[in-house]
Amino acid sequence: MKIALDVMGGDFAPQNNIGGVKLALESLPNIEKLYLVGTPDIVEAELARQGVSSAKIQIVASQSVVNMEDPSTDALRKKRDSSISVAMDLVKDREAQAVVSPGHTGAAVAAGTLILGRIKGVERPGIASPMPNEHGTCLLIDAGANTSPKPSHLVQYAIMGSVYSKYIFGRQNPIVGLMSVGEEEGKGNDLTREAYELLKDAPINFRGNVEGTHLFSSPLDVVVCDGFVGNVVLKTAEATAKVVMKWLKDELTANPIRKLGALIAKQGFINVKKRGSYETYGGSPLLGCKGVVIIGHGSSPPLAVMNAIRVAGEAIEHQVNPHIEAAIQQYNLTHAV
């Protein structure tokens, strides 16, 4: 597999991204080529500092970086030579098969949509964020790419999420829920009510409306929502997990007896942290683009970057995009007006 990494993207670039490259080269034997896109002098210096060297690495020069405070459109207008745009060009030109970026989410969405283009039949790409629940991994889609979708977009998210869940997580008949303010049919706003009617007739295993609590406790594989709701849910869940772990640490280190108990249960706490950490999942696929695009967390440490590269490789290996295209085209053929 050939993957382009936006080395300059993220809060701790390039050091954490190069650290992720080092881990990936050690752990992912299927890597054929890693294109490191960024400012050559900076990338070369960081590779040398961390002692990373491999024939699988190729540095590709970019001239600018889309910073977190920049508007998303700058990736294509004012900074067409940015690291994220150059990485997308590598996939467009078929030199690479996937892009991994822990940088500006909006820029990655804009560049992926406009430079790579959309899979035939897909109206708007959506970010599918993997979230742990009691029954495995649930995909929340859309998690921020499209804040004003049409009902038809939500149907396509459900189909794309189902395909991803099937081929990446091994769910033969993924269960799909529609995020709303109540389980009963008819609950929600105009968007969810219209989407509900379309989802009932879509070729998916549609459970119906679900609420926020079901995201973690119910056997759901895909939960569909608009990008505004999805991003709020995702960020709230991340912040809640982080603060709960801090509270636990504060309480468990409050006195010597608690410290002893915490030491005995240390491995259990480590396992819980891993299960709920975005580092384990690596990144979120932007489903619907002509090419694999994995968007990482802005503060991704090396482990998260390595896992984002792993996720990109899995999407390539399992041919997720061709399966999505086939599913979308089949739906459009059977539901043509």
Protein backbone atom coordinates (compact mmCIF):
# COMPACT_ATOMS: atom_id res chain seq x y z
CA MET A 1 0.00 0.00 0.00
CA LYS A 2 1.13 3.53 -0.84
CA ILE A 3 0.06 6.25 1.59
CA ALA A 4 0.60 10.02 1.62
CA LEU A 5 0.98 11.57 5.08
CA ASP A 6 0.36 15.26 5.69
CA VAL A 7 3.44 15.61 7.90
CA MET A 8 2.84 19.31 8.59
CA GLY A 9 -0.74 18.85 9.80
CA GLY A 10 -1.68 18.78 13.47
CA ASP A 11 -0.94 20.52 16.75
CA PHE A 12 2.38 18.73 17.25
CA ALA A 13 3.69 18.51 13.70
CA PRO A 14 6.04 17.30 12.46
CA GLN A 15 7.45 15.44 15.48
CA ASN A 16 4.38 13.36 16.33
CA ASN A 17 3.74 12.53 12.69
CA ILE A 18 7.31 11.34 12.18
CA GLY A 19 7.00 9.38 15.42
CA GLY A 20 3.93 7.72 13.90
CA VAL A 21 5.90 6.94 10.74
CA LYS A 22 8.56 5.25 12.86
CA LEU A 23 5.96 3.06 14.58
CA ALA A 24 4.24 2.28 11.27
CA LEU A 25 7.47 1.12 9.65
CA GLU A 26 8.08 -1.17 12.63
CA SER A 27 4.51 -2.54 12.86
CA LEU A 28 2.93 -2.48 9.39
CA PRO A 29 4.83 -4.74 6.97
CA ASN A 30 2.32 -4.15 4.15
CA ILE A 31 3.53 -0.59 3.65
CA GLU A 32 5.10 -0.26 0.21
CA LYS A 33 5.64 3.49 0.19
CA LEU A 34 5.08 6.37 2.61
CA TYR A 35 5.03 9.78 0.96
CA LEU A 36 5.88 12.37 3.61
CA VAL A 37 4.43 15.66 2.40
CA GLY A 38 5.86 18.80 3.94
CA THR A 39 8.72 21.27 4.00
CA PRO A 40 11.74 19.11 3.05
CA ASP A 41 14.30 20.72 5.40
CA ILE A 42 11.94 20.40 8.37
CA VAL A 43 10.93 16.83 7.52
CA GLU A 44 14.53 15.71 6.95
CA ALA A 45 15.66 17.27 10.24
CA GLU A 46 12.91 15.53 12.20
CA LEU A 47 13.61 12.17 10.53
CA ALA A 48 17.27 12.52 11.50
CA ARG A 49 16.42 13.60 15.06
CA GLN A 50 14.27 10.51 15.59
CA GLY A 51 16.59 8.20 13.71
CA VAL A 52 14.03 7.24 11.08
CA SER A 53 15.37 5.93 7.79
CA SER A 54 13.80 3.60 5.25
CA ALA A 55 13.73 2.97 1.52
CA LYS A 56 9.94 3.06 1.86
CA ILE A 57 10.02 6.79 2.68
CA GLN A 58 9.85 9.49 0.02
CA ILE A 59 9.68 13.17 0.91
CA VAL A 60 7.37 15.25 -1.28
CA ALA A 61 7.78 19.01 -1.06
CA SER A 62 4.96 21.39 -0.19
CA GLN A 63 5.29 25.12 0.26
CA SER A 64 2.71 26.02 2.90
CA VAL A 65 0.52 24.68 5.72
CA VAL A 66 -3.18 25.17 6.38
CA ASN A 67 -3.20 26.29 10.00
CA MET A 68 -6.02 25.43 12.38
CA GLU A 69 -7.30 29.02 12.34
CA ASP A 70 -7.39 29.22 8.53
CA PRO A 71 -10.72 28.95 6.68
CA SER A 72 -11.21 25.57 5.00
CA THR A 73 -11.28 27.14 1.55
CA ASP A 74 -7.68 28.34 1.98
CA ALA A 75 -6.58 24.77 1.27
CA LEU A 76 -7.72 25.26 -2.30
CA ARG A 77 -7.54 28.98 -2.98
CA LYS A 78 -4.80 30.79 -1.09
CA LYS A 79 -2.73 27.73 -0.19
CA ARG A 80 -3.06 25.39 -3.16
CA ASP A 81 0.54 24.32 -2.51
CA SER A 82 -0.22 23.32 1.09
CA SER A 83 0.78 19.92 2.47
CA ILE A 84 -2.82 18.66 2.53
CA SER A 85 -3.46 19.69 -1.09
CA VAL A 86 -0.20 18.19 -2.34
CA ALA A 87 -1.01 14.94 -0.51
CA MET A 88 -4.42 14.85 -2.22
CA ASP A 89 -2.75 15.45 -5.58
CA LEU A 90 -0.64 12.33 -5.05
CA VAL A 91 -3.81 10.26 -4.75
CA LYS A 92 -5.48 12.04 -7.66
CA ASP A 93 -2.43 11.27 -9.81
CA ARG A 94 -2.54 7.65 -8.57
CA GLU A 95 0.93 7.76 -7.07
CA ALA A 96 -0.59 7.13 -3.63
CA GLN A 97 -3.75 5.27 -2.67
CA ALA A 98 -4.65 7.13 0.52
CA VAL A 99 -4.13 10.37 2.41
CA VAL A 100 -3.69 10.56 6.17
CA SER A 101 -3.90 13.96 7.84
CA PRO A 102 -4.09 14.92 11.52
CA GLY A 103 -4.41 18.55 10.47
CA HIS A 104 -7.25 20.93 9.66
CA THR A 105 -10.43 18.83 9.32
CA GLY A 106 -12.26 21.36 7.16
CA ALA A 107 -9.30 21.64 4.81
CA ALA A 108 -9.08 17.85 4.50
CA VAL A 109 -12.80 17.66 3.70
CA ALA A 110 -12.59 20.47 1.14
CA ALA A 111 -9.46 19.11 -0.51
CA GLY A 112 -10.75 15.55 -0.53
CA THR A 113 -14.07 16.58 -2.04
CA LEU A 114 -12.80 19.01 -4.66
CA ILE A 115 -9.39 17.59 -5.58
CA LEU A 116 -10.23 13.88 -5.48
CA GLY A 117 -13.88 14.29 -6.35
CA ARG A 118 -16.81 12.20 -5.17
CA ILE A 119 -17.55 8.56 -5.77
CA LYS A 120 -20.17 8.25 -8.51
CA GLY A 121 -23.62 8.75 -7.02
CA VAL A 122 -22.42 10.26 -3.73
CA GLU A 123 -23.79 13.75 -3.18
CA ARG A 124 -21.74 14.78 -0.14
CA PRO A 125 -18.89 12.91 1.63
CA GLY A 126 -19.22 12.34 5.36
CA ILE A 127 -16.82 11.73 8.24
CA ALA A 128 -17.33 8.35 9.90
CA SER A 129 -15.92 8.43 13.43
CA PRO A 130 -15.49 5.06 15.17
CA MET A 131 -16.74 5.05 18.76
CA PRO A 132 -16.54 2.21 21.30
CA ASN A 133 -19.76 0.80 22.74
CA GLU A 134 -20.78 -2.24 24.74
CA HIS A 135 -21.09 -4.37 21.63
CA GLY A 136 -18.02 -3.38 19.63
CA THR A 137 -17.41 -0.32 17.46
CA CYS A 138 -20.11 2.06 16.29
CA LEU A 139 -19.60 4.47 13.40
CA LEU A 140 -20.98 7.98 13.93
CA ILE A 141 -21.57 9.56 10.53
CA ASP A 142 -21.48 12.45 9.78
CA ALA A 143 -19.08 13.80 12.44
CA GLY A 144 -18.52 17.23 10.93
CA ALA A 145 -18.16 17.32 7.14
CA ASN A 146 -21.68 18.44 6.26
CA THR A 147 -23.55 20.57 8.79
CA SER A 148 -26.57 21.24 6.56
CA PRO A 149 -27.39 17.96 4.84
CA LYS A 150 -30.45 16.91 2.91
CA PRO A 151 -32.38 13.77 3.95
CA SER A 152 -30.90 11.98 0.92
CA HIS A 153 -27.42 12.66 2.26
CA LEU A 154 -28.25 10.86 5.49
CA VAL A 155 -29.42 7.84 3.52
CA GLN A 156 -26.11 7.77 1.66
CA TYR A 157 -24.25 8.05 4.97
CA ALA A 158 -26.18 5.04 6.23
CA ILE A 159 -25.28 3.02 3.14
CA MET A 160 -21.61 4.06 3.21
CA GLY A 161 -21.35 3.45 6.95
CA SER A 162 -22.91 0.01 6.55
CA VAL A 163 -20.41 -0.91 3.84
CA TYR A 164 -17.48 0.28 5.98
CA SER A 165 -18.77 -1.57 9.03
CA LYS A 166 -19.18 -4.76 7.02
CA TYR A 167 -15.76 -4.83 5.38
CA ILE A 168 -13.65 -3.25 8.13
CA PHE A 169 -15.36 -4.46 11.32
CA GLY A 170 -16.79 -7.69 9.96
CA ARG A 171 -20.47 -6.92 10.62
CA GLN A 172 -22.44 -8.98 8.13
CA ASN A 173 -25.70 -7.07 8.60
CA PRO A 174 -24.80 -3.76 10.29
CA ILE A 175 -27.50 -2.23 12.48
CA VAL A 176 -28.20 1.40 11.61
CA GLY A 177 -29.85 4.02 13.82
CA LEU A 178 -30.90 7.61 13.15
CA MET A 179 -29.92 10.08 15.87
CA SER A 180 -32.96 11.95 17.14
CA VAL A 181 -34.59 13.28 20.32
CA GLY A 182 -36.78 10.23 20.87
CA GLU A 183 -37.10 6.63 19.70
CA GLU A 184 -40.65 6.90 18.42
CA GLU A 185 -41.28 7.39 14.72
CA GLY A 186 -42.18 11.01 14.07
CA LYS A 187 -39.81 12.43 16.69
CA GLY A 188 -37.16 14.96 15.71
CA ASN A 189 -36.97 17.87 13.29
CA ASP A 190 -37.87 18.09 9.60
CA LEU A 191 -34.54 16.60 8.56
CA THR A 192 -34.77 13.50 10.74
CA ARG A 193 -38.45 12.90 10.02
CA GLU A 194 -37.90 13.02 6.26
CA ALA A 195 -34.73 10.94 6.53
CA TYR A 196 -36.59 8.34 8.61
CA GLU A 197 -39.05 7.69 5.79
CA LEU A 198 -36.23 7.27 3.28
CA LEU A 199 -34.16 5.06 5.58
CA LYS A 200 -37.10 2.69 6.09
CA ASP A 201 -36.97 1.91 2.38
CA ALA A 202 -33.18 1.80 2.03
CA PRO A 203 -31.23 -1.48 1.63
CA ILE A 204 -29.89 -1.36 5.19
CA ASN A 205 -30.70 -2.94 8.56
CA PHE A 206 -32.50 0.14 9.89
CA ARG A 207 -33.44 0.04 13.57
CA GLY A 208 -35.15 3.44 13.67
CA ASN A 209 -34.57 6.47 15.82
CA VAL A 210 -31.97 6.31 18.58
CA GLU A 211 -30.92 8.75 21.27
CA GLY A 212 -27.50 9.73 22.55
CA THR A 213 -27.52 7.10 25.28
CA HIS A 214 -27.89 4.29 22.73
CA LEU A 215 -24.59 5.22 21.12
CA PHE A 216 -22.69 3.45 23.89
CA SER A 217 -25.16 0.92 25.28
CA SER A 218 -27.09 -0.55 22.34
CA PRO A 219 -25.99 -3.00 19.61
CA LEU A 220 -25.56 -0.34 16.95
CA ASP A 221 -22.99 -0.42 14.15
CA VAL A 222 -23.83 2.86 12.41
CA VAL A 223 -25.52 5.98 13.78
CA VAL A 224 -26.51 8.62 11.22
CA CYS A 225 -26.84 12.34 11.90
CA ASP A 226 -25.99 15.73 10.42
CA GLY A 227 -22.44 17.00 10.80
CA PHE A 228 -23.35 19.65 13.37
CA VAL A 229 -24.93 17.16 15.76
CA GLY A 230 -22.28 14.54 15.07
CA ASN A 231 -19.38 16.85 15.81
CA VAL A 232 -20.95 18.05 19.07
CA VAL A 233 -21.61 14.44 20.14
CA LEU A 234 -18.07 13.38 19.26
CA LYS A 235 -16.34 16.26 21.04
CA THR A 236 -18.59 15.92 24.09
CA ALA A 237 -17.86 12.20 24.33
CA GLU A 238 -14.11 12.79 24.05
CA ALA A 239 -14.16 15.49 26.71
CA THR A 240 -16.32 13.40 29.05
CA ALA A 241 -13.99 10.39 28.80
CA LYS A 242 -10.99 12.60 29.46
CA VAL A 243 -12.42 14.32 32.53
CA VAL A 244 -13.76 11.06 34.02
CA MET A 245 -10.27 9.54 33.80
CA LYS A 246 -8.88 12.63 35.54
CA TRP A 247 -11.48 12.41 38.30
CA LEU A 248 -10.67 8.73 38.79
CA LYS A 249 -6.96 9.50 39.03
CA ASP A 250 -7.59 12.29 41.55
CA GLU A 251 -9.74 10.05 43.75
CA LEU A 252 -7.49 6.98 43.49
CA THR A 253 -4.40 8.93 44.55
CA ALA A 254 -6.10 10.77 47.42
CA ASN A 255 -4.58 8.56 50.15
CA PRO A 256 -2.18 5.59 50.54
CA ILE A 257 -4.95 2.96 50.80
CA ARG A 258 -6.57 4.11 47.57
CA LYS A 259 -3.16 4.22 45.88
CA LEU A 260 -2.61 0.57 46.81
CA GLY A 261 -6.00 -0.38 45.38
CA ALA A 262 -5.26 1.57 42.23
CA LEU A 263 -1.94 -0.25 41.84
CA ILE A 264 -3.70 -3.63 42.05
CA ALA A 265 -6.27 -2.56 39.45
CA LYS A 266 -3.76 -0.66 37.28
CA GLN A 267 -4.01 -2.93 34.24
CA GLY A 268 -7.79 -2.68 34.26
CA PHE A 269 -7.63 1.11 34.14
CA ILE A 270 -5.07 0.94 31.32
CA ASN A 271 -7.36 -1.34 29.32
CA VAL A 272 -10.35 0.96 29.82
CA LYS A 273 -8.31 3.95 28.70
CA LYS A 274 -7.17 2.13 25.56
CA ARG A 275 -10.70 1.03 24.73
CA GLY A 276 -12.04 4.57 24.83
CA SER A 277 -9.06 6.44 23.40
CA TYR A 278 -9.00 7.88 19.89
CA GLU A 279 -5.34 6.82 19.75
CA THR A 280 -6.50 3.22 19.37
CA TYR A 281 -8.80 4.02 16.45
CA GLY A 282 -6.30 6.29 14.75
CA GLY A 283 -8.54 8.34 12.51
CA SER A 284 -11.90 8.78 10.86
CA PRO A 285 -12.47 7.96 7.18
CA LEU A 286 -14.01 10.61 4.96
CA LEU A 287 -16.39 8.32 3.11
CA GLY A 288 -17.54 9.21 -0.38
CA CYS A 289 -14.30 10.52 -1.95
CA LYS A 290 -12.49 8.99 -4.92
CA GLY A 291 -9.62 7.83 -2.80
CA VAL A 292 -9.08 6.89 0.83
CA VAL A 293 -8.92 9.87 3.17
CA ILE A 294 -8.28 9.37 6.89
CA ILE A 295 -8.66 12.39 9.16
CA GLY A 296 -6.81 12.20 12.47
CA HIS A 297 -7.24 14.13 15.70
CA GLY A 298 -5.40 17.45 15.74
CA SER A 299 -3.45 16.47 18.86
CA SER A 300 -2.65 12.95 17.62
CA PRO A 301 0.37 11.38 19.36
CA PRO A 302 2.60 8.98 17.41
CA LEU A 303 0.45 5.95 18.27
CA ALA A 304 -2.64 7.63 16.80
CA VAL A 305 -0.76 8.57 13.64
CA MET A 306 0.45 4.97 13.25
CA ASN A 307 -3.09 3.67 13.71
CA ALA A 308 -4.41 6.20 11.19
CA ILE A 309 -1.93 4.80 8.66
CA ARG A 310 -3.09 1.30 9.60
CA VAL A 311 -6.75 2.29 9.07
CA ALA A 312 -5.89 3.71 5.65
CA GLY A 313 -4.21 0.44 4.74
CA GLU A 314 -7.26 -1.57 5.82
CA ALA A 315 -9.56 0.55 3.65
CA ILE A 316 -7.25 -0.04 0.67
CA GLU A 317 -6.91 -3.77 1.35
CA HIS A 318 -10.65 -4.35 1.71
CA GLN A 319 -11.49 -2.15 -1.28
CA VAL A 320 -13.99 -0.10 0.67
CA ASN A 321 -14.49 2.52 -2.04
CA PRO A 322 -15.43 0.10 -4.84
CA HIS A 323 -17.91 -1.55 -2.48
CA ILE A 324 -19.39 1.85 -1.59
CA GLU A 325 -19.71 2.78 -5.25
CA ALA A 326 -21.51 -0.48 -6.03
CA ALA A 327 -23.91 -0.06 -3.08
CA ILE A 328 -24.72 3.58 -3.91
CA GLN A 329 -25.28 2.83 -7.59
CA GLN A 330 -27.55 -0.10 -6.76
CA TYR A 331 -29.61 2.11 -4.43
CA ASN A 332 -29.85 4.90 -7.02
CA LEU A 333 -30.93 2.44 -9.73
CA THR A 334 -33.72 0.96 -7.62
CA HIS A 335 -34.89 4.38 -6.36
CA ALA A 336 -34.69 6.39 -9.58
CA VAL A 337 -37.51 8.84 -9.99
